[in-house]
Amino acid sequence: MKLYTIYLQAASLLWVFAPVFGQSDEPARTEKDRGFFQSDRIIKGGNVGLWLGTTTFIQASPFVGYRFTDKFTAGVGGECTYIRQRTTGTPDEWAIYGGNLFARYQVLNTLFLQGEYNAISFPDQSGRSWYESPLVGGGYMPGKGMYIMGMWALNRNYPIPSPMLRMGFVF
């Protein structure tokens, strides 16, 4: 009972001293008054991947973009992937890194199309090589926050097989 009383008193104090933000003397700003660039239209997010076992796969692919309209978003992203495969003998290790430019168009409330230009540094027989490819695909975003999509590389020499399945987050 004593704990309940303390919680009730703390909640009362917080409620009494909480600031009220609902009213302002300033006139409401229209979309035109705010200018072209609006910080609330910036989106941030990325893909993350983790697989542990005989093959270790760790990936982080952050991105930042701008919602030009309610349906069209464009931006830039990066990629950093570590892969280690343990078989008999010495384990094989790879590091993949690079970046991309992307454009996303919201077709329906939950479905989108995406195109990107991707460039990655990938280890090969000569050491490391840069591979570039346009990627096209689409995805499903049930609400603000999480998405899943599939992407296909248009360059046949791209070292990552298609389709590439991604799951990520948008903030």
N, C-alpha and C. Protein backbone atom coordinates (compact mmCIF):
# COMPACT_ATOMS: atom_id res chain seq x y z
N MET A 1 0.82 -1.19 0.00
CA MET A 1 0.00 0.00 0.00
C MET A 1 0.87 1.26 0.00
N LYS A 2 1.99 1.21 0.73
CA LYS A 2 2.87 2.36 0.81
C LYS A 2 3.49 2.66 -0.56
N LEU A 3 3.88 1.60 -1.31
CA LEU A 3 4.45 1.76 -2.63
C LEU A 3 3.44 2.40 -3.58
N TYR A 4 2.18 1.97 -3.49
CA TYR A 4 1.12 2.54 -4.31
C TYR A 4 0.96 4.03 -4.05
N THR A 5 1.05 4.46 -2.81
CA THR A 5 0.93 5.87 -2.43
C THR A 5 2.09 6.68 -3.00
N ILE A 6 3.30 6.13 -2.96
CA ILE A 6 4.47 6.83 -3.50
C ILE A 6 4.31 7.01 -5.01
N TYR A 7 3.88 5.96 -5.73
CA TYR A 7 3.67 6.06 -7.17
C TYR A 7 2.60 7.10 -7.51
N LEU A 8 1.53 7.13 -6.73
CA LEU A 8 0.44 8.08 -6.96
C LEU A 8 0.91 9.50 -6.74
N GLN A 9 1.71 9.74 -5.71
CA GLN A 9 2.23 11.08 -5.45
C GLN A 9 3.21 11.52 -6.55
N ALA A 10 4.08 10.61 -6.99
CA ALA A 10 5.03 10.94 -8.06
C ALA A 10 4.30 11.25 -9.36
N ALA A 11 3.29 10.48 -9.69
CA ALA A 11 2.52 10.72 -10.91
C ALA A 11 1.78 12.05 -10.82
N SER A 12 1.27 12.40 -9.65
CA SER A 12 0.57 13.68 -9.48
C SER A 12 1.53 14.85 -9.67
N LEU A 13 2.73 14.76 -9.11
CA LEU A 13 3.71 15.82 -9.27
C LEU A 13 4.12 15.98 -10.74
N LEU A 14 4.35 14.86 -11.42
CA LEU A 14 4.72 14.94 -12.83
C LEU A 14 3.61 15.58 -13.66
N TRP A 15 2.38 15.25 -13.35
CA TRP A 15 1.24 15.77 -14.09
C TRP A 15 1.10 17.28 -13.85
N VAL A 16 1.30 17.71 -12.62
CA VAL A 16 1.15 19.12 -12.29
C VAL A 16 2.26 19.95 -12.92
N PHE A 17 3.51 19.45 -12.90
CA PHE A 17 4.63 20.21 -13.40
C PHE A 17 4.94 19.98 -14.87
N ALA A 18 4.19 19.13 -15.53
CA ALA A 18 4.43 18.86 -16.96
C ALA A 18 4.06 20.09 -17.77
N PRO A 19 4.92 20.51 -18.71
CA PRO A 19 4.60 21.68 -19.53
C PRO A 19 3.50 21.35 -20.54
N VAL A 20 2.75 22.36 -20.90
CA VAL A 20 1.68 22.21 -21.87
C VAL A 20 2.16 22.82 -23.19
N PHE A 21 2.14 22.02 -24.28
CA PHE A 21 2.65 22.47 -25.55
C PHE A 21 1.55 22.69 -26.59
N GLY A 22 0.31 22.59 -26.24
CA GLY A 22 -0.76 22.61 -27.23
C GLY A 22 -1.10 23.99 -27.77
N GLN A 23 -0.70 25.06 -27.13
CA GLN A 23 -1.13 26.39 -27.54
C GLN A 23 0.08 27.26 -27.83
N SER A 24 -0.08 28.14 -28.82
CA SER A 24 1.01 29.02 -29.19
C SER A 24 0.43 30.33 -29.70
N ASP A 25 1.16 31.42 -29.48
CA ASP A 25 0.74 32.72 -29.99
C ASP A 25 1.17 32.91 -31.45
N GLU A 26 2.10 32.07 -31.93
CA GLU A 26 2.58 32.21 -33.30
C GLU A 26 1.56 31.64 -34.28
N PRO A 27 1.39 32.30 -35.42
CA PRO A 27 0.48 31.75 -36.42
C PRO A 27 1.05 30.47 -37.01
N ALA A 28 0.17 29.56 -37.42
CA ALA A 28 0.61 28.30 -38.02
C ALA A 28 1.31 28.58 -39.34
N ARG A 29 2.43 27.89 -39.57
CA ARG A 29 3.19 28.07 -40.81
C ARG A 29 2.64 27.12 -41.86
N THR A 30 2.47 27.62 -43.05
CA THR A 30 1.99 26.78 -44.14
C THR A 30 3.17 26.08 -44.79
N GLU A 31 2.87 25.12 -45.65
CA GLU A 31 3.91 24.37 -46.36
C GLU A 31 4.78 25.32 -47.18
N LYS A 32 4.17 26.34 -47.76
CA LYS A 32 4.90 27.28 -48.60
C LYS A 32 5.85 28.14 -47.76
N ASP A 33 5.45 28.49 -46.54
CA ASP A 33 6.29 29.30 -45.66
C ASP A 33 7.53 28.55 -45.19
N ARG A 34 7.45 27.24 -45.13
CA ARG A 34 8.55 26.44 -44.59
C ARG A 34 9.69 26.28 -45.58
N GLY A 35 9.49 26.55 -46.86
CA GLY A 35 10.56 26.41 -47.85
C GLY A 35 10.65 25.00 -48.39
N PHE A 36 11.61 24.80 -49.28
CA PHE A 36 11.74 23.49 -49.94
C PHE A 36 12.27 22.43 -48.98
N PHE A 37 13.34 22.73 -48.28
CA PHE A 37 13.95 21.74 -47.39
C PHE A 37 13.26 21.77 -46.04
N GLN A 38 12.79 20.60 -45.61
CA GLN A 38 12.13 20.48 -44.31
C GLN A 38 12.76 19.31 -43.57
N SER A 39 13.23 19.57 -42.38
CA SER A 39 13.96 18.54 -41.64
C SER A 39 13.07 17.35 -41.27
N ASP A 40 11.76 17.55 -41.17
CA ASP A 40 10.89 16.42 -40.84
C ASP A 40 10.69 15.47 -42.02
N ARG A 41 11.22 15.82 -43.19
CA ARG A 41 11.12 14.93 -44.36
C ARG A 41 12.37 14.06 -44.53
N ILE A 42 13.35 14.22 -43.66
CA ILE A 42 14.55 13.39 -43.71
C ILE A 42 14.22 12.02 -43.12
N ILE A 43 14.62 10.97 -43.82
CA ILE A 43 14.44 9.62 -43.29
C ILE A 43 15.81 9.01 -43.04
N LYS A 44 15.88 8.16 -42.04
CA LYS A 44 17.10 7.43 -41.71
C LYS A 44 16.71 5.98 -41.49
N GLY A 45 17.64 5.09 -41.73
CA GLY A 45 17.35 3.68 -41.50
C GLY A 45 18.48 2.82 -41.97
N GLY A 46 18.15 1.57 -42.27
CA GLY A 46 19.16 0.66 -42.77
C GLY A 46 18.78 -0.78 -42.63
N ASN A 47 19.64 -1.60 -43.16
CA ASN A 47 19.49 -3.04 -43.08
C ASN A 47 20.55 -3.55 -42.11
N VAL A 48 20.21 -4.57 -41.38
CA VAL A 48 21.17 -5.23 -40.52
C VAL A 48 21.05 -6.73 -40.75
N GLY A 49 22.16 -7.42 -40.65
CA GLY A 49 22.14 -8.86 -40.83
C GLY A 49 23.10 -9.53 -39.88
N LEU A 50 22.72 -10.69 -39.39
CA LEU A 50 23.58 -11.44 -38.48
C LEU A 50 23.28 -12.92 -38.66
N TRP A 51 24.32 -13.69 -38.90
CA TRP A 51 24.21 -15.13 -39.01
C TRP A 51 25.44 -15.71 -38.32
N LEU A 52 25.23 -16.58 -37.36
CA LEU A 52 26.35 -17.18 -36.62
C LEU A 52 26.29 -18.69 -36.77
N GLY A 53 27.44 -19.30 -36.90
CA GLY A 53 27.52 -20.75 -37.06
C GLY A 53 28.77 -21.08 -37.83
N THR A 54 28.70 -22.10 -38.70
CA THR A 54 29.83 -22.44 -39.54
C THR A 54 30.20 -21.25 -40.42
N THR A 55 29.19 -20.55 -40.87
CA THR A 55 29.40 -19.30 -41.60
C THR A 55 28.97 -18.15 -40.71
N THR A 56 29.85 -17.18 -40.51
CA THR A 56 29.52 -15.97 -39.76
C THR A 56 29.28 -14.86 -40.76
N PHE A 57 28.14 -14.19 -40.64
CA PHE A 57 27.77 -13.11 -41.54
C PHE A 57 27.29 -11.95 -40.68
N ILE A 58 27.96 -10.81 -40.79
CA ILE A 58 27.58 -9.62 -40.04
C ILE A 58 27.49 -8.47 -41.04
N GLN A 59 26.35 -7.79 -41.08
CA GLN A 59 26.16 -6.72 -42.06
C GLN A 59 25.50 -5.51 -41.41
N ALA A 60 25.93 -4.34 -41.83
CA ALA A 60 25.29 -3.07 -41.46
C ALA A 60 25.25 -2.21 -42.72
N SER A 61 24.06 -1.76 -43.08
CA SER A 61 23.89 -0.94 -44.28
C SER A 61 23.01 0.26 -43.95
N PRO A 62 23.57 1.31 -43.37
CA PRO A 62 22.77 2.49 -43.03
C PRO A 62 22.47 3.33 -44.27
N PHE A 63 21.38 4.10 -44.20
CA PHE A 63 21.07 5.04 -45.28
C PHE A 63 20.40 6.28 -44.71
N VAL A 64 20.44 7.34 -45.50
CA VAL A 64 19.73 8.58 -45.18
C VAL A 64 19.11 9.07 -46.48
N GLY A 65 17.90 9.56 -46.38
CA GLY A 65 17.20 10.02 -47.58
C GLY A 65 16.30 11.20 -47.29
N TYR A 66 15.66 11.66 -48.35
CA TYR A 66 14.76 12.81 -48.23
C TYR A 66 13.47 12.49 -48.97
N ARG A 67 12.32 12.70 -48.30
CA ARG A 67 11.01 12.50 -48.92
C ARG A 67 10.65 13.77 -49.69
N PHE A 68 10.85 13.75 -51.01
CA PHE A 68 10.54 14.91 -51.83
C PHE A 68 9.03 15.12 -51.93
N THR A 69 8.28 14.04 -52.03
CA THR A 69 6.81 14.08 -51.99
C THR A 69 6.38 12.96 -51.03
N ASP A 70 5.09 12.82 -50.84
CA ASP A 70 4.62 11.75 -49.97
C ASP A 70 4.91 10.37 -50.55
N LYS A 71 5.13 10.28 -51.86
CA LYS A 71 5.37 9.00 -52.51
C LYS A 71 6.80 8.78 -52.98
N PHE A 72 7.59 9.83 -53.15
CA PHE A 72 8.93 9.70 -53.72
C PHE A 72 10.01 10.08 -52.72
N THR A 73 10.98 9.16 -52.53
CA THR A 73 12.11 9.35 -51.62
C THR A 73 13.39 9.00 -52.36
N ALA A 74 14.46 9.73 -52.11
CA ALA A 74 15.77 9.42 -52.68
C ALA A 74 16.84 9.68 -51.63
N GLY A 75 17.98 8.99 -51.78
CA GLY A 75 19.04 9.18 -50.80
C GLY A 75 20.29 8.40 -51.11
N VAL A 76 21.16 8.31 -50.09
CA VAL A 76 22.44 7.60 -50.20
C VAL A 76 22.55 6.60 -49.07
N GLY A 77 23.36 5.57 -49.31
CA GLY A 77 23.56 4.55 -48.29
C GLY A 77 24.95 3.98 -48.35
N GLY A 78 25.31 3.26 -47.34
CA GLY A 78 26.60 2.60 -47.26
C GLY A 78 26.41 1.14 -46.93
N GLU A 79 27.46 0.36 -47.11
CA GLU A 79 27.39 -1.06 -46.79
C GLU A 79 28.71 -1.53 -46.23
N CYS A 80 28.64 -2.34 -45.20
CA CYS A 80 29.82 -2.96 -44.61
C CYS A 80 29.41 -4.38 -44.19
N THR A 81 30.05 -5.37 -44.78
CA THR A 81 29.71 -6.77 -44.52
C THR A 81 30.98 -7.55 -44.20
N TYR A 82 30.89 -8.40 -43.21
CA TYR A 82 31.98 -9.30 -42.84
C TYR A 82 31.46 -10.73 -42.94
N ILE A 83 32.22 -11.59 -43.64
CA ILE A 83 31.84 -12.99 -43.79
C ILE A 83 33.05 -13.84 -43.42
N ARG A 84 32.81 -14.85 -42.61
CA ARG A 84 33.87 -15.81 -42.26
C ARG A 84 33.27 -17.20 -42.36
N GLN A 85 33.92 -18.05 -43.15
CA GLN A 85 33.43 -19.39 -43.36
C GLN A 85 34.44 -20.37 -42.79
N ARG A 86 34.01 -21.15 -41.78
CA ARG A 86 34.89 -22.12 -41.14
C ARG A 86 34.64 -23.50 -41.75
N THR A 87 35.61 -23.99 -42.44
CA THR A 87 35.58 -25.36 -42.96
C THR A 87 36.85 -26.03 -42.46
N THR A 88 37.22 -27.13 -43.01
CA THR A 88 38.48 -27.75 -42.58
C THR A 88 39.65 -26.87 -43.00
N GLY A 89 40.59 -26.73 -42.13
CA GLY A 89 41.76 -25.91 -42.44
C GLY A 89 41.56 -24.47 -42.00
N THR A 90 42.21 -23.56 -42.71
CA THR A 90 42.15 -22.14 -42.39
C THR A 90 40.80 -21.55 -42.80
N PRO A 91 40.17 -20.78 -41.92
CA PRO A 91 38.88 -20.16 -42.29
C PRO A 91 39.06 -19.10 -43.38
N ASP A 92 38.08 -19.01 -44.25
CA ASP A 92 38.06 -17.97 -45.28
C ASP A 92 37.33 -16.75 -44.72
N GLU A 93 37.89 -15.56 -44.96
CA GLU A 93 37.29 -14.32 -44.48
C GLU A 93 37.19 -13.32 -45.62
N TRP A 94 36.07 -12.58 -45.64
CA TRP A 94 35.86 -11.54 -46.64
C TRP A 94 35.31 -10.30 -45.95
N ALA A 95 35.67 -9.17 -46.47
CA ALA A 95 35.06 -7.90 -46.07
C ALA A 95 34.56 -7.23 -47.33
N ILE A 96 33.31 -6.84 -47.32
CA ILE A 96 32.69 -6.18 -48.47
C ILE A 96 32.25 -4.80 -47.98
N TYR A 97 32.56 -3.78 -48.74
CA TYR A 97 32.12 -2.43 -48.37
C TYR A 97 31.84 -1.64 -49.62
N GLY A 98 31.04 -0.60 -49.47
CA GLY A 98 30.69 0.24 -50.61
C GLY A 98 29.56 1.18 -50.28
N GLY A 99 28.88 1.64 -51.33
CA GLY A 99 27.80 2.59 -51.13
C GLY A 99 26.81 2.54 -52.28
N ASN A 100 25.73 3.30 -52.13
CA ASN A 100 24.71 3.33 -53.18
C ASN A 100 23.95 4.65 -53.17
N LEU A 101 23.29 4.90 -54.28
CA LEU A 101 22.31 5.96 -54.44
C LEU A 101 21.00 5.26 -54.71
N PHE A 102 19.91 5.69 -54.07
CA PHE A 102 18.65 4.99 -54.27
C PHE A 102 17.50 5.96 -54.50
N ALA A 103 16.46 5.45 -55.14
CA ALA A 103 15.20 6.18 -55.32
C ALA A 103 14.08 5.18 -55.05
N ARG A 104 13.09 5.61 -54.27
CA ARG A 104 11.97 4.73 -53.89
C ARG A 104 10.66 5.44 -54.19
N TYR A 105 9.74 4.70 -54.81
CA TYR A 105 8.42 5.25 -55.13
C TYR A 105 7.35 4.37 -54.48
N GLN A 106 6.51 4.97 -53.66
CA GLN A 106 5.44 4.27 -52.96
C GLN A 106 4.27 4.10 -53.93
N VAL A 107 4.04 2.87 -54.41
CA VAL A 107 2.98 2.59 -55.38
C VAL A 107 1.63 2.54 -54.68
N LEU A 108 1.54 1.78 -53.62
CA LEU A 108 0.35 1.69 -52.78
C LEU A 108 0.76 2.03 -51.35
N ASN A 109 -0.18 2.02 -50.44
CA ASN A 109 0.16 2.36 -49.05
C ASN A 109 1.24 1.44 -48.48
N THR A 110 1.26 0.17 -48.89
CA THR A 110 2.21 -0.79 -48.31
C THR A 110 3.25 -1.30 -49.30
N LEU A 111 3.12 -1.00 -50.59
CA LEU A 111 4.04 -1.52 -51.60
C LEU A 111 4.86 -0.40 -52.24
N PHE A 112 6.15 -0.66 -52.47
CA PHE A 112 7.01 0.34 -53.10
C PHE A 112 7.91 -0.31 -54.14
N LEU A 113 8.37 0.51 -55.08
CA LEU A 113 9.38 0.12 -56.06
C LEU A 113 10.65 0.86 -55.72
N GLN A 114 11.80 0.21 -55.94
CA GLN A 114 13.06 0.87 -55.62
C GLN A 114 14.09 0.57 -56.70
N GLY A 115 14.87 1.58 -57.03
CA GLY A 115 16.01 1.44 -57.92
C GLY A 115 17.22 2.02 -57.23
N GLU A 116 18.37 1.40 -57.44
CA GLU A 116 19.60 1.94 -56.86
C GLU A 116 20.77 1.71 -57.80
N TYR A 117 21.77 2.50 -57.59
CA TYR A 117 23.04 2.29 -58.25
C TYR A 117 24.01 1.92 -57.14
N ASN A 118 24.54 0.70 -57.20
CA ASN A 118 25.33 0.15 -56.11
C ASN A 118 26.77 -0.07 -56.56
N ALA A 119 27.73 0.28 -55.72
CA ALA A 119 29.15 0.03 -55.99
C ALA A 119 29.75 -0.59 -54.74
N ILE A 120 30.37 -1.78 -54.89
CA ILE A 120 30.97 -2.46 -53.74
C ILE A 120 32.39 -2.90 -54.07
N SER A 121 33.21 -2.94 -53.04
CA SER A 121 34.56 -3.49 -53.13
C SER A 121 34.47 -4.92 -52.62
N PHE A 122 34.85 -5.85 -53.49
CA PHE A 122 34.67 -7.28 -53.21
C PHE A 122 36.01 -7.98 -53.41
N PRO A 123 36.40 -8.89 -52.50
CA PRO A 123 37.67 -9.60 -52.68
C PRO A 123 37.56 -10.62 -53.82
N ASP A 124 38.62 -10.71 -54.62
CA ASP A 124 38.67 -11.71 -55.69
C ASP A 124 40.10 -12.22 -55.85
N GLN A 125 40.38 -12.92 -56.92
CA GLN A 125 41.70 -13.54 -57.11
C GLN A 125 42.82 -12.51 -57.19
N SER A 126 42.52 -11.30 -57.69
CA SER A 126 43.56 -10.28 -57.83
C SER A 126 43.69 -9.39 -56.59
N GLY A 127 42.98 -9.71 -55.55
CA GLY A 127 43.00 -8.89 -54.33
C GLY A 127 41.62 -8.33 -54.04
N ARG A 128 41.36 -7.12 -54.53
CA ARG A 128 40.04 -6.49 -54.38
C ARG A 128 39.67 -5.83 -55.69
N SER A 129 38.41 -5.87 -56.01
CA SER A 129 37.90 -5.19 -57.20
C SER A 129 36.61 -4.48 -56.86
N TRP A 130 36.35 -3.40 -57.59
CA TRP A 130 35.09 -2.68 -57.44
C TRP A 130 34.10 -3.20 -58.47
N TYR A 131 32.90 -3.49 -58.01
CA TYR A 131 31.81 -3.95 -58.88
C TYR A 131 30.68 -2.94 -58.76
N GLU A 132 30.12 -2.59 -59.90
CA GLU A 132 29.01 -1.64 -59.93
C GLU A 132 27.84 -2.26 -60.67
N SER A 133 26.64 -1.93 -60.22
CA SER A 133 25.45 -2.44 -60.90
C SER A 133 24.23 -1.62 -60.52
N PRO A 134 23.35 -1.39 -61.49
CA PRO A 134 22.02 -0.90 -61.12
C PRO A 134 21.26 -2.07 -60.50
N LEU A 135 20.49 -1.78 -59.47
CA LEU A 135 19.63 -2.78 -58.84
C LEU A 135 18.20 -2.30 -58.95
N VAL A 136 17.28 -3.22 -59.23
CA VAL A 136 15.86 -2.87 -59.29
C VAL A 136 15.09 -3.88 -58.44
N GLY A 137 13.99 -3.43 -57.90
CA GLY A 137 13.18 -4.33 -57.09
C GLY A 137 12.03 -3.60 -56.44
N GLY A 138 11.49 -4.24 -55.45
CA GLY A 138 10.36 -3.67 -54.74
C GLY A 138 10.23 -4.31 -53.38
N GLY A 139 9.29 -3.78 -52.63
CA GLY A 139 9.14 -4.30 -51.28
C GLY A 139 7.81 -4.00 -50.65
N TYR A 140 7.69 -4.44 -49.44
CA TYR A 140 6.48 -4.33 -48.64
C TYR A 140 6.82 -3.62 -47.35
N MET A 141 6.10 -2.52 -47.06
CA MET A 141 6.28 -1.76 -45.83
C MET A 141 4.90 -1.63 -45.18
N PRO A 142 4.60 -2.50 -44.19
CA PRO A 142 3.26 -2.49 -43.60
C PRO A 142 2.92 -1.22 -42.83
N GLY A 143 3.88 -0.47 -42.42
CA GLY A 143 3.67 0.77 -41.68
C GLY A 143 4.98 1.51 -41.64
N LYS A 144 5.04 2.57 -40.91
CA LYS A 144 6.30 3.28 -40.77
C LYS A 144 7.17 2.50 -39.79
N GLY A 145 8.36 2.18 -40.23
CA GLY A 145 9.27 1.50 -39.32
C GLY A 145 9.99 0.32 -39.90
N MET A 146 9.30 -0.64 -40.49
CA MET A 146 9.96 -1.85 -40.95
C MET A 146 9.57 -2.15 -42.40
N TYR A 147 10.49 -2.77 -43.16
CA TYR A 147 10.21 -3.16 -44.53
C TYR A 147 10.95 -4.44 -44.88
N ILE A 148 10.49 -5.09 -45.94
CA ILE A 148 11.18 -6.24 -46.52
C ILE A 148 11.12 -6.05 -48.03
N MET A 149 12.24 -6.34 -48.73
CA MET A 149 12.26 -6.14 -50.17
C MET A 149 13.21 -7.11 -50.85
N GLY A 150 13.02 -7.24 -52.15
CA GLY A 150 13.89 -8.04 -52.99
C GLY A 150 14.48 -7.16 -54.06
N MET A 151 15.78 -7.33 -54.35
CA MET A 151 16.48 -6.53 -55.36
C MET A 151 17.21 -7.46 -56.32
N TRP A 152 17.24 -7.08 -57.60
CA TRP A 152 17.91 -7.84 -58.63
C TRP A 152 18.98 -6.97 -59.27
N ALA A 153 20.19 -7.54 -59.43
CA ALA A 153 21.30 -6.83 -60.07
C ALA A 153 21.15 -6.96 -61.59
N LEU A 154 21.29 -5.85 -62.30
CA LEU A 154 21.19 -5.86 -63.75
C LEU A 154 22.53 -6.18 -64.41
N ASN A 155 23.63 -6.11 -63.67
CA ASN A 155 24.95 -6.46 -64.17
C ASN A 155 25.20 -7.94 -63.88
N ARG A 156 25.41 -8.74 -64.92
CA ARG A 156 25.61 -10.18 -64.74
C ARG A 156 26.91 -10.51 -64.00
N ASN A 157 27.88 -9.61 -64.01
CA ASN A 157 29.16 -9.84 -63.33
C ASN A 157 29.14 -9.42 -61.87
N TYR A 158 28.01 -8.98 -61.37
CA TYR A 158 27.90 -8.56 -59.98
C TYR A 158 28.12 -9.78 -59.08
N PRO A 159 28.99 -9.69 -58.06
CA PRO A 159 29.37 -10.89 -57.29
C PRO A 159 28.32 -11.39 -56.30
N ILE A 160 27.30 -10.60 -56.00
CA ILE A 160 26.28 -11.03 -55.05
C ILE A 160 25.09 -11.55 -55.86
N PRO A 161 24.66 -12.80 -55.62
CA PRO A 161 23.60 -13.38 -56.44
C PRO A 161 22.24 -12.71 -56.21
N SER A 162 21.44 -12.69 -57.26
CA SER A 162 20.08 -12.14 -57.19
C SER A 162 19.09 -13.29 -57.04
N PRO A 163 17.98 -13.07 -56.40
CA PRO A 163 17.57 -11.82 -55.76
C PRO A 163 18.23 -11.65 -54.40
N MET A 164 18.45 -10.40 -54.04
CA MET A 164 18.98 -10.05 -52.73
C MET A 164 17.79 -9.69 -51.86
N LEU A 165 17.58 -10.43 -50.80
CA LEU A 165 16.47 -10.15 -49.89
C LEU A 165 16.98 -9.29 -48.75
N ARG A 166 16.25 -8.23 -48.48
CA ARG A 166 16.65 -7.30 -47.42
C ARG A 166 15.48 -7.06 -46.48
N MET A 167 15.83 -6.91 -45.22
CA MET A 167 14.85 -6.49 -44.22
C MET A 167 15.48 -5.35 -43.47
N GLY A 168 14.75 -4.27 -43.29
CA GLY A 168 15.35 -3.12 -42.64
C GLY A 168 14.34 -2.27 -41.91
N PHE A 169 14.84 -1.11 -41.46
CA PHE A 169 14.05 -0.21 -40.64
C PHE A 169 14.19 1.21 -41.17
N VAL A 170 13.13 2.00 -41.01
CA VAL A 170 13.11 3.40 -41.42
C VAL A 170 12.63 4.22 -40.22
N PHE A 171 13.34 5.33 -39.95
CA PHE A 171 12.95 6.22 -38.84
C PHE A 171 12.71 7.61 -39.37
